[in-house]
Amino acid sequence: MQEGLKIYSVEFEGVYPVGSCLILAAFNEEQANEIAKNTISHTDKFEVTELNINAPSVILYMSGDY
């Protein structure tokens, strides 16, 4: 039986000068890695981290303020 979806953050170096982020939903970390690999086309260096969504929190904030 498949567990529910989880939220993952993917850290990677974006294409300068534009900010970058990737937040995705997957059933497990293996699937999250595969989705990230198929999504990020300019690099193969990234780190996938499961986000704790058991409490209210900010998931993504990009203000553009350098």
PDB file of N, CA and C in Angstrom:
ATOM      1  N   MET A   1       0.826  -1.186   0.000  1.00  0.00           N
ATOM      2  CA  MET A   1       0.000   0.000   0.000  1.00  0.00           C
ATOM      3  C   MET A   1       0.876   1.259   0.000  1.00  0.00           C
ATOM      4  N   GLN A   2       0.555   2.213  -0.834  1.00  0.00           N
ATOM      5  CA  GLN A   2       1.321   3.441  -0.972  1.00  0.00           C
ATOM      6  C   GLN A   2       0.978   4.414   0.155  1.00  0.00           C
ATOM      7  N   GLU A   3       2.001   4.999   0.775  1.00  0.00           N
ATOM      8  CA  GLU A   3       1.773   6.024   1.792  1.00  0.00           C
ATOM      9  C   GLU A   3       1.326   7.313   1.118  1.00  0.00           C
ATOM     10  N   GLY A   4       0.926   8.283   1.929  1.00  0.00           N
ATOM     11  CA  GLY A   4       0.516   9.570   1.388  1.00  0.00           C
ATOM     12  C   GLY A   4       1.696  10.370   0.850  1.00  0.00           C
ATOM     13  N   LEU A   5       1.381  11.403   0.109  1.00  0.00           N
ATOM     14  CA  LEU A   5       2.419  12.271  -0.446  1.00  0.00           C
ATOM     15  C   LEU A   5       3.131  13.045   0.653  1.00  0.00           C
ATOM     16  N   LYS A   6       4.404  13.315   0.419  1.00  0.00           N
ATOM     17  CA  LYS A   6       5.231  14.123   1.316  1.00  0.00           C
ATOM     18  C   LYS A   6       5.767  15.299   0.501  1.00  0.00           C
ATOM     19  N   ILE A   7       6.164  16.347   1.197  1.00  0.00           N
ATOM     20  CA  ILE A   7       6.708  17.543   0.545  1.00  0.00           C
ATOM     21  C   ILE A   7       8.222  17.544   0.714  1.00  0.00           C
ATOM     22  N   TYR A   8       8.930  17.837  -0.372  1.00  0.00           N
ATOM     23  CA  TYR A   8      10.391  17.857  -0.373  1.00  0.00           C
ATOM     24  C   TYR A   8      10.898  19.184  -0.918  1.00  0.00           C
ATOM     25  N   SER A   9      11.986  19.660  -0.324  1.00  0.00           N
ATOM     26  CA  SER A   9      12.699  20.840  -0.802  1.00  0.00           C
ATOM     27  C   SER A   9      13.962  20.344  -1.505  1.00  0.00           C
ATOM     28  N   VAL A  10      14.286  20.964  -2.629  1.00  0.00           N
ATOM     29  CA  VAL A  10      15.484  20.575  -3.367  1.00  0.00           C
ATOM     30  C   VAL A  10      16.406  21.783  -3.450  1.00  0.00           C
ATOM     31  N   GLU A  11      17.595  21.660  -2.887  1.00  0.00           N
ATOM     32  CA  GLU A  11      18.598  22.714  -2.937  1.00  0.00           C
ATOM     33  C   GLU A  11      19.504  22.476  -4.143  1.00  0.00           C
ATOM     34  N   PHE A  12      19.702  23.525  -4.932  1.00  0.00           N
ATOM     35  CA  PHE A  12      20.597  23.445  -6.079  1.00  0.00           C
ATOM     36  C   PHE A  12      21.038  24.844  -6.444  1.00  0.00           C
ATOM     37  N   GLU A  13      22.138  24.961  -7.159  1.00  0.00           N
ATOM     38  CA  GLU A  13      22.614  26.263  -7.610  1.00  0.00           C
ATOM     39  C   GLU A  13      21.884  26.619  -8.890  1.00  0.00           C
ATOM     40  N   GLY A  14      21.167  27.726  -8.844  1.00  0.00           N
ATOM     41  CA  GLY A  14      20.385  28.157  -9.992  1.00  0.00           C
ATOM     42  C   GLY A  14      21.229  28.852 -11.041  1.00  0.00           C
ATOM     43  N   VAL A  15      20.569  29.286 -12.078  1.00  0.00           N
ATOM     44  CA  VAL A  15      21.231  30.016 -13.156  1.00  0.00           C
ATOM     45  C   VAL A  15      21.245  31.497 -12.775  1.00  0.00           C
ATOM     46  N   TYR A  16      22.432  32.078 -12.587  1.00  0.00           N
ATOM     47  CA  TYR A  16      22.591  33.475 -12.197  1.00  0.00           C
ATOM     48  C   TYR A  16      21.975  34.377 -13.248  1.00  0.00           C
ATOM     49  N   PRO A  17      21.338  35.455 -12.904  1.00  0.00           N
ATOM     50  CA  PRO A  17      21.125  36.082 -11.600  1.00  0.00           C
ATOM     51  C   PRO A  17      19.732  35.798 -11.025  1.00  0.00           C
ATOM     52  N   VAL A  18      19.032  34.862 -11.561  1.00  0.00           N
ATOM     53  CA  VAL A  18      17.660  34.598 -11.131  1.00  0.00           C
ATOM     54  C   VAL A  18      17.668  33.666  -9.912  1.00  0.00           C
ATOM     55  N   GLY A  19      16.837  33.971  -8.918  1.00  0.00           N
ATOM     56  CA  GLY A  19      16.700  33.095  -7.766  1.00  0.00           C
ATOM     57  C   GLY A  19      16.123  31.758  -8.192  1.00  0.00           C
ATOM     58  N   SER A  20      16.338  30.738  -7.398  1.00  0.00           N
ATOM     59  CA  SER A  20      15.851  29.417  -7.789  1.00  0.00           C
ATOM     60  C   SER A  20      15.357  28.646  -6.575  1.00  0.00           C
ATOM     61  N   CYS A  21      14.399  27.789  -6.799  1.00  0.00           N
ATOM     62  CA  CYS A  21      13.915  26.893  -5.757  1.00  0.00           C
ATOM     63  C   CYS A  21      13.129  25.773  -6.412  1.00  0.00           C
ATOM     64  N   LEU A  22      13.015  24.667  -5.715  1.00  0.00           N
ATOM     65  CA  LEU A  22      12.186  23.563  -6.169  1.00  0.00           C
ATOM     66  C   LEU A  22      11.578  22.914  -4.938  1.00  0.00           C
ATOM     67  N   ILE A  23      10.273  22.949  -4.851  1.00  0.00           N
ATOM     68  CA  ILE A  23       9.510  22.257  -3.823  1.00  0.00           C
ATOM     69  C   ILE A  23       8.632  21.260  -4.572  1.00  0.00           C
ATOM     70  N   LEU A  24       8.656  20.000  -4.170  1.00  0.00           N
ATOM     71  CA  LEU A  24       7.884  18.997  -4.907  1.00  0.00           C
ATOM     72  C   LEU A  24       7.180  18.029  -3.965  1.00  0.00           C
ATOM     73  N   ALA A  25       6.209  17.338  -4.489  1.00  0.00           N
ATOM     74  CA  ALA A  25       5.471  16.322  -3.744  1.00  0.00           C
ATOM     75  C   ALA A  25       5.816  14.952  -4.322  1.00  0.00           C
ATOM     76  N   ALA A  26       6.087  13.997  -3.445  1.00  0.00           N
ATOM     77  CA  ALA A  26       6.403  12.634  -3.868  1.00  0.00           C
ATOM     78  C   ALA A  26       6.023  11.682  -2.747  1.00  0.00           C
ATOM     79  N   PHE A  27       5.917  10.412  -3.082  1.00  0.00           N
ATOM     80  CA  PHE A  27       5.566   9.411  -2.083  1.00  0.00           C
ATOM     81  C   PHE A  27       6.745   9.022  -1.197  1.00  0.00           C
ATOM     82  N   ASN A  28       7.996   9.200  -1.712  1.00  0.00           N
ATOM     83  CA  ASN A  28       9.180   8.865  -0.925  1.00  0.00           C
ATOM     84  C   ASN A  28      10.385   9.615  -1.486  1.00  0.00           C
ATOM     85  N   GLU A  29      11.512   9.534  -0.768  1.00  0.00           N
ATOM     86  CA  GLU A  29      12.705  10.282  -1.172  1.00  0.00           C
ATOM     87  C   GLU A  29      13.260   9.798  -2.512  1.00  0.00           C
ATOM     88  N   GLU A  30      13.175   8.518  -2.775  1.00  0.00           N
ATOM     89  CA  GLU A  30      13.651   7.978  -4.056  1.00  0.00           C
ATOM     90  C   GLU A  30      12.881   8.609  -5.222  1.00  0.00           C
ATOM     91  N   GLN A  31      11.562   8.684  -5.093  1.00  0.00           N
ATOM     92  CA  GLN A  31      10.750   9.299  -6.130  1.00  0.00           C
ATOM     93  C   GLN A  31      11.046  10.800  -6.227  1.00  0.00           C
ATOM     94  N   ALA A  32      11.259  11.457  -5.085  1.00  0.00           N
ATOM     95  CA  ALA A  32      11.591  12.884  -5.086  1.00  0.00           C
ATOM     96  C   ALA A  32      12.901  13.137  -5.828  1.00  0.00           C
ATOM     97  N   ASN A  33      13.899  12.283  -5.604  1.00  0.00           N
ATOM     98  CA  ASN A  33      15.172  12.412  -6.330  1.00  0.00           C
ATOM     99  C   ASN A  33      14.968  12.254  -7.831  1.00  0.00           C
ATOM    100  N   GLU A  34      14.143  11.308  -8.222  1.00  0.00           N
ATOM    101  CA  GLU A  34      13.884  11.065  -9.651  1.00  0.00           C
ATOM    102  C   GLU A  34      13.166  12.264 -10.282  1.00  0.00           C
ATOM    103  N   ILE A  35      12.182  12.820  -9.576  1.00  0.00           N
ATOM    104  CA  ILE A  35      11.471  13.995 -10.086  1.00  0.00           C
ATOM    105  C   ILE A  35      12.440  15.172 -10.227  1.00  0.00           C
ATOM    106  N   ALA A  36      13.272  15.391  -9.211  1.00  0.00           N
ATOM    107  CA  ALA A  36      14.245  16.487  -9.270  1.00  0.00           C
ATOM    108  C   ALA A  36      15.208  16.296 -10.436  1.00  0.00           C
ATOM    109  N   LYS A  37      15.705  15.076 -10.599  1.00  0.00           N
ATOM    110  CA  LYS A  37      16.637  14.764 -11.697  1.00  0.00           C
ATOM    111  C   LYS A  37      16.007  15.066 -13.057  1.00  0.00           C
ATOM    112  N   ASN A  38      14.714  14.770 -13.187  1.00  0.00           N
ATOM    113  CA  ASN A  38      14.025  15.006 -14.457  1.00  0.00           C
ATOM    114  C   ASN A  38      13.582  16.454 -14.638  1.00  0.00           C
ATOM    115  N   THR A  39      13.596  17.235 -13.567  1.00  0.00           N
ATOM    116  CA  THR A  39      13.155  18.625 -13.627  1.00  0.00           C
ATOM    117  C   THR A  39      14.306  19.596 -13.824  1.00  0.00           C
ATOM    118  N   ILE A  40      15.384  19.408 -13.062  1.00  0.00           N
ATOM    119  CA  ILE A  40      16.532  20.326 -13.116  1.00  0.00           C
ATOM    120  C   ILE A  40      17.407  19.936 -14.301  1.00  0.00           C
ATOM    121  N   SER A  41      17.471  20.824 -15.285  1.00  0.00           N
ATOM    122  CA  SER A  41      18.174  20.458 -16.522  1.00  0.00           C
ATOM    123  C   SER A  41      19.588  21.025 -16.625  1.00  0.00           C
ATOM    124  N   HIS A  42      19.936  22.015 -15.813  1.00  0.00           N
ATOM    125  CA  HIS A  42      21.237  22.673 -15.988  1.00  0.00           C
ATOM    126  C   HIS A  42      22.332  22.119 -15.073  1.00  0.00           C
ATOM    127  N   THR A  43      21.986  21.257 -14.124  1.00  0.00           N
ATOM    128  CA  THR A  43      22.984  20.674 -13.219  1.00  0.00           C
ATOM    129  C   THR A  43      22.479  19.336 -12.694  1.00  0.00           C
ATOM    130  N   ASP A  44      23.412  18.491 -12.298  1.00  0.00           N
ATOM    131  CA  ASP A  44      23.014  17.225 -11.675  1.00  0.00           C
ATOM    132  C   ASP A  44      23.397  17.207 -10.198  1.00  0.00           C
ATOM    133  N   LYS A  45      23.778  18.384  -9.671  1.00  0.00           N
ATOM    134  CA  LYS A  45      24.145  18.509  -8.263  1.00  0.00           C
ATOM    135  C   LYS A  45      22.991  19.145  -7.499  1.00  0.00           C
ATOM    136  N   PHE A  46      22.357  18.364  -6.646  1.00  0.00           N
ATOM    137  CA  PHE A  46      21.253  18.868  -5.843  1.00  0.00           C
ATOM    138  C   PHE A  46      21.105  18.001  -4.604  1.00  0.00           C
ATOM    139  N   GLU A  47      20.379  18.543  -3.607  1.00  0.00           N
ATOM    140  CA  GLU A  47      20.137  17.819  -2.365  1.00  0.00           C
ATOM    141  C   GLU A  47      18.648  17.883  -2.038  1.00  0.00           C
ATOM    142  N   VAL A  48      18.048  16.732  -1.826  1.00  0.00           N
ATOM    143  CA  VAL A  48      16.622  16.614  -1.530  1.00  0.00           C
ATOM    144  C   VAL A  48      16.436  16.427  -0.025  1.00  0.00           C
ATOM    145  N   THR A  49      15.537  17.221   0.556  1.00  0.00           N
ATOM    146  CA  THR A  49      15.256  17.140   1.989  1.00  0.00           C
ATOM    147  C   THR A  49      13.754  17.109   2.210  1.00  0.00           C
ATOM    148  N   GLU A  50      13.291  16.149   3.001  1.00  0.00           N
ATOM    149  CA  GLU A  50      11.861  16.093   3.320  1.00  0.00           C
ATOM    150  C   GLU A  50      11.523  17.228   4.277  1.00  0.00           C
ATOM    151  N   LEU A  51      10.423  17.929   4.008  1.00  0.00           N
ATOM    152  CA  LEU A  51       9.982  19.019   4.870  1.00  0.00           C
ATOM    153  C   LEU A  51       8.963  18.497   5.876  1.00  0.00           C
ATOM    154  N   ASN A  52       9.070  18.949   7.105  1.00  0.00           N
ATOM    155  CA  ASN A  52       8.124  18.588   8.148  1.00  0.00           C
ATOM    156  C   ASN A  52       6.888  19.465   7.981  1.00  0.00           C
ATOM    157  N   ILE A  53       5.778  18.851   7.625  1.00  0.00           N
ATOM    158  CA  ILE A  53       4.546  19.625   7.436  1.00  0.00           C
ATOM    159  C   ILE A  53       3.518  19.262   8.504  1.00  0.00           C
ATOM    160  N   ASN A  54       3.998  18.879   9.676  1.00  0.00           N
ATOM    161  CA  ASN A  54       3.116  18.532  10.780  1.00  0.00           C
ATOM    162  C   ASN A  54       2.754  19.726  11.641  1.00  0.00           C
ATOM    163  N   ALA A  55       3.313  20.884  11.319  1.00  0.00           N
ATOM    164  CA  ALA A  55       3.030  22.099  12.075  1.00  0.00           C
ATOM    165  C   ALA A  55       2.982  23.269  11.101  1.00  0.00           C
ATOM    166  N   PRO A  56       2.236  24.309  11.438  1.00  0.00           N
ATOM    167  CA  PRO A  56       2.196  25.487  10.570  1.00  0.00           C
ATOM    168  C   PRO A  56       3.602  26.072  10.398  1.00  0.00           C
ATOM    169  N   SER A  57       3.961  26.408   9.168  1.00  0.00           N
ATOM    170  CA  SER A  57       5.286  26.970   8.905  1.00  0.00           C
ATOM    171  C   SER A  57       5.328  27.570   7.517  1.00  0.00           C
ATOM    172  N   VAL A  58       6.342  28.372   7.266  1.00  0.00           N
ATOM    173  CA  VAL A  58       6.591  28.905   5.931  1.00  0.00           C
ATOM    174  C   VAL A  58       7.357  27.835   5.165  1.00  0.00           C
ATOM    175  N   ILE A  59       6.906  27.498   3.980  1.00  0.00           N
ATOM    176  CA  ILE A  59       7.602  26.507   3.172  1.00  0.00           C
ATOM    177  C   ILE A  59       8.570  27.182   2.214  1.00  0.00           C
ATOM    178  N   LEU A  60       8.165  28.296   1.629  1.00  0.00           N
ATOM    179  CA  LEU A  60       9.024  28.973   0.664  1.00  0.00           C
ATOM    180  C   LEU A  60       8.818  30.462   0.759  1.00  0.00           C
ATOM    181  N   TYR A  61       9.903  31.233   0.826  1.00  0.00           N
ATOM    182  CA  TYR A  61       9.833  32.688   0.842  1.00  0.00           C
ATOM    183  C   TYR A  61      11.008  33.221   0.031  1.00  0.00           C
ATOM    184  N   MET A  62      10.719  33.884  -1.067  1.00  0.00           N
ATOM    185  CA  MET A  62      11.735  34.516  -1.896  1.00  0.00           C
ATOM    186  C   MET A  62      11.301  35.962  -2.107  1.00  0.00           C
ATOM    187  N   SER A  63      11.960  36.883  -1.412  1.00  0.00           N
ATOM    188  CA  SER A  63      11.541  38.286  -1.475  1.00  0.00           C
ATOM    189  C   SER A  63      12.183  39.031  -2.634  1.00  0.00           C
ATOM    190  N   GLY A  64      13.282  38.510  -3.170  1.00  0.00           N
ATOM    191  CA  GLY A  64      13.999  39.224  -4.221  1.00  0.00           C
ATOM    192  C   GLY A  64      14.934  40.281  -3.660  1.00  0.00           C
ATOM    193  N   ASP A  65      14.998  40.414  -2.340  1.00  0.00           N
ATOM    194  CA  ASP A  65      15.866  41.397  -1.684  1.00  0.00           C
ATOM    195  C   ASP A  65      17.266  40.812  -1.540  1.00  0.00           C
ATOM    196  N   TYR A  66      18.206  41.360  -2.306  1.00  0.00           N
ATOM    197  CA  TYR A  66      19.585  40.866  -2.249  1.00  0.00           C
ATOM    198  C   TYR A  66      20.335  41.656  -1.222  1.00  0.00           C
TER     199      TYR A  66
END
